[in-house]
Amino acid sequence: MSTPLAQKNTAAYYFQAVASFIVSTGATVIGIAYLPVNAWERAFLGLGLLYTITSAITLAKVVRDKQDEVQLVGRVDKARLDKLLTEHDPYRVDAP
């Protein structure tokens, strides 16, 4: 089993992700603020936006944690296999 190479995010990628989040959230907040509806409907949409944002962040964390768990289990299995292979001596004869 081969392990995938660890990918590091560049500063530009990180900046783009943060900027995209800020712009999309800001545009939605501005859209809700200027929507021609009463305050209760506007508050409902605002709470819906907050719920969507927190759900997306939670989902991203859960996916990341699951990937980390799979990689950790893979590394542990590889370490066990490596240990077994290094300890195995095909020329050893067990005494009766």
C-alpha atoms as a PDB file:
ATOM      1  CA  MET A   1       0.000   0.000   0.000  1.00  0.00           C
ATOM      2  CA  SER A   2       1.469   3.308  -1.006  1.00  0.00           C
ATOM      3  CA  THR A   3       0.866   6.407   1.028  1.00  0.00           C
ATOM      4  CA  PRO A   4      -0.106   9.610  -0.755  1.00  0.00           C
ATOM      5  CA  LEU A   5       2.273  12.504  -0.590  1.00  0.00           C
ATOM      6  CA  ALA A   6       1.316  15.113   1.968  1.00  0.00           C
ATOM      7  CA  GLN A   7       0.044  18.205   0.202  1.00  0.00           C
ATOM      8  CA  LYS A   8       0.695  21.580   1.755  1.00  0.00           C
ATOM      9  CA  ASN A   9      -1.504  24.521   0.920  1.00  0.00           C
ATOM     10  CA  THR A  10       0.231  27.596  -0.367  1.00  0.00           C
ATOM     11  CA  ALA A  11      -0.305  31.033   1.149  1.00  0.00           C
ATOM     12  CA  ALA A  12      -2.087  32.111  -2.046  1.00  0.00           C
ATOM     13  CA  TYR A  13      -4.518  29.182  -1.831  1.00  0.00           C
ATOM     14  CA  TYR A  14      -5.222  29.948   1.825  1.00  0.00           C
ATOM     15  CA  PHE A  15      -5.760  33.636   1.010  1.00  0.00           C
ATOM     16  CA  GLN A  16      -8.109  32.766  -1.858  1.00  0.00           C
ATOM     17  CA  ALA A  17     -10.189  30.475   0.359  1.00  0.00           C
ATOM     18  CA  VAL A  18     -10.489  33.088   3.118  1.00  0.00           C
ATOM     19  CA  ALA A  19     -11.214  35.896   0.654  1.00  0.00           C
ATOM     20  CA  SER A  20     -13.841  33.803  -1.125  1.00  0.00           C
ATOM     21  CA  PHE A  21     -15.543  33.026   2.182  1.00  0.00           C
ATOM     22  CA  ILE A  22     -15.552  36.696   3.201  1.00  0.00           C
ATOM     23  CA  VAL A  23     -16.823  37.932  -0.172  1.00  0.00           C
ATOM     24  CA  SER A  24     -19.598  35.338  -0.442  1.00  0.00           C
ATOM     25  CA  THR A  25     -20.743  35.871   3.138  1.00  0.00           C
ATOM     26  CA  GLY A  26     -20.587  39.656   2.760  1.00  0.00           C
ATOM     27  CA  ALA A  27     -22.542  39.605  -0.499  1.00  0.00           C
ATOM     28  CA  THR A  28     -25.237  37.444   1.074  1.00  0.00           C
ATOM     29  CA  VAL A  29     -25.439  39.689   4.157  1.00  0.00           C
ATOM     30  CA  ILE A  30     -25.755  42.775   1.933  1.00  0.00           C
ATOM     31  CA  GLY A  31     -28.394  41.024  -0.160  1.00  0.00           C
ATOM     32  CA  ILE A  32     -30.401  40.139   2.938  1.00  0.00           C
ATOM     33  CA  ALA A  33     -30.012  43.687   4.318  1.00  0.00           C
ATOM     34  CA  TYR A  34     -31.394  45.304   1.140  1.00  0.00           C
ATOM     35  CA  LEU A  35     -34.125  42.741   0.540  1.00  0.00           C
ATOM     36  CA  PRO A  36     -37.546  44.440   0.464  1.00  0.00           C
ATOM     37  CA  VAL A  37     -39.064  42.397   3.314  1.00  0.00           C
ATOM     38  CA  ASN A  38     -39.933  43.094   6.929  1.00  0.00           C
ATOM     39  CA  ALA A  39     -37.472  42.716   9.808  1.00  0.00           C
ATOM     40  CA  TRP A  40     -38.733  39.269  10.889  1.00  0.00           C
ATOM     41  CA  GLU A  41     -38.137  37.765   7.439  1.00  0.00           C
ATOM     42  CA  ARG A  42     -34.746  39.443   7.259  1.00  0.00           C
ATOM     43  CA  ALA A  43     -33.819  38.040  10.699  1.00  0.00           C
ATOM     44  CA  PHE A  44     -34.971  34.565   9.614  1.00  0.00           C
ATOM     45  CA  LEU A  45     -32.770  34.703   6.521  1.00  0.00           C
ATOM     46  CA  GLY A  46     -29.850  35.965   8.619  1.00  0.00           C
ATOM     47  CA  LEU A  47     -30.202  33.073  11.054  1.00  0.00           C
ATOM     48  CA  GLY A  48     -30.444  30.672   8.137  1.00  0.00           C
ATOM     49  CA  LEU A  49     -27.196  32.101   6.769  1.00  0.00           C
ATOM     50  CA  LEU A  50     -25.454  31.691  10.137  1.00  0.00           C
ATOM     51  CA  TYR A  51     -26.714  28.115  10.426  1.00  0.00           C
ATOM     52  CA  THR A  52     -25.457  27.320   6.921  1.00  0.00           C
ATOM     53  CA  ILE A  53     -22.024  28.784   7.681  1.00  0.00           C
ATOM     54  CA  THR A  54     -21.613  26.869  10.950  1.00  0.00           C
ATOM     55  CA  SER A  55     -22.825  23.651   9.308  1.00  0.00           C
ATOM     56  CA  ALA A  56     -20.317  24.059   6.473  1.00  0.00           C
ATOM     57  CA  ILE A  57     -17.461  24.653   8.911  1.00  0.00           C
ATOM     58  CA  THR A  58     -18.483  21.621  10.975  1.00  0.00           C
ATOM     59  CA  LEU A  59     -18.732  19.457   7.862  1.00  0.00           C
ATOM     60  CA  ALA A  60     -15.269  20.554   6.722  1.00  0.00           C
ATOM     61  CA  LYS A  61     -13.836  19.634  10.131  1.00  0.00           C
ATOM     62  CA  VAL A  62     -15.534  16.217  10.149  1.00  0.00           C
ATOM     63  CA  VAL A  63     -14.244  15.411   6.652  1.00  0.00           C
ATOM     64  CA  ARG A  64     -10.721  16.507   7.632  1.00  0.00           C
ATOM     65  CA  ASP A  65     -10.812  14.431  10.821  1.00  0.00           C
ATOM     66  CA  LYS A  66     -11.998  11.359   8.888  1.00  0.00           C
ATOM     67  CA  GLN A  67      -9.166  11.748   6.372  1.00  0.00           C
ATOM     68  CA  ASP A  68      -6.642  12.120   9.197  1.00  0.00           C
ATOM     69  CA  GLU A  69      -8.032   8.982  10.852  1.00  0.00           C
ATOM     70  CA  VAL A  70      -7.738   6.961   7.640  1.00  0.00           C
ATOM     71  CA  GLN A  71      -4.161   8.149   7.110  1.00  0.00           C
ATOM     72  CA  LEU A  72      -3.240   7.347  10.722  1.00  0.00           C
ATOM     73  CA  VAL A  73      -4.709   3.839  10.505  1.00  0.00           C
ATOM     74  CA  GLY A  74      -2.826   3.312   7.249  1.00  0.00           C
ATOM     75  CA  ARG A  75       0.447   4.403   8.841  1.00  0.00           C
ATOM     76  CA  VAL A  76      -0.104   2.139  11.858  1.00  0.00           C
ATOM     77  CA  ASP A  77      -0.858  -0.836   9.584  1.00  0.00           C
ATOM     78  CA  LYS A  78       2.255  -0.095   7.523  1.00  0.00           C
ATOM     79  CA  ALA A  79       4.380   0.127  10.696  1.00  0.00           C
ATOM     80  CA  ARG A  80       3.037  -3.255  11.870  1.00  0.00           C
ATOM     81  CA  LEU A  81       3.805  -4.826   8.505  1.00  0.00           C
ATOM     82  CA  ASP A  82       7.301  -3.323   8.474  1.00  0.00           C
ATOM     83  CA  LYS A  83       7.934  -4.689  11.972  1.00  0.00           C
ATOM     84  CA  LEU A  84       6.757  -8.165  10.978  1.00  0.00           C
ATOM     85  CA  LEU A  85       8.938  -8.132   7.878  1.00  0.00           C
ATOM     86  CA  THR A  86      12.041  -7.008   9.763  1.00  0.00           C
ATOM     87  CA  GLU A  87      11.527  -9.619  12.483  1.00  0.00           C
ATOM     88  CA  HIS A  88      10.893 -12.443  10.029  1.00  0.00           C
ATOM     89  CA  ASP A  89      13.930 -14.624   9.304  1.00  0.00           C
ATOM     90  CA  PRO A  90      13.194 -17.160   6.576  1.00  0.00           C
ATOM     91  CA  TYR A  91      16.395 -19.113   7.383  1.00  0.00           C
ATOM     92  CA  ARG A  92      15.694 -19.555  11.082  1.00  0.00           C
ATOM     93  CA  VAL A  93      15.058 -23.125  12.161  1.00  0.00           C
ATOM     94  CA  ASP A  94      12.986 -23.572  15.286  1.00  0.00           C
ATOM     95  CA  ALA A  95      14.540 -26.122  17.679  1.00  0.00           C
ATOM     96  CA  PRO A  96      12.243 -28.982  18.744  1.00  0.00           C
END
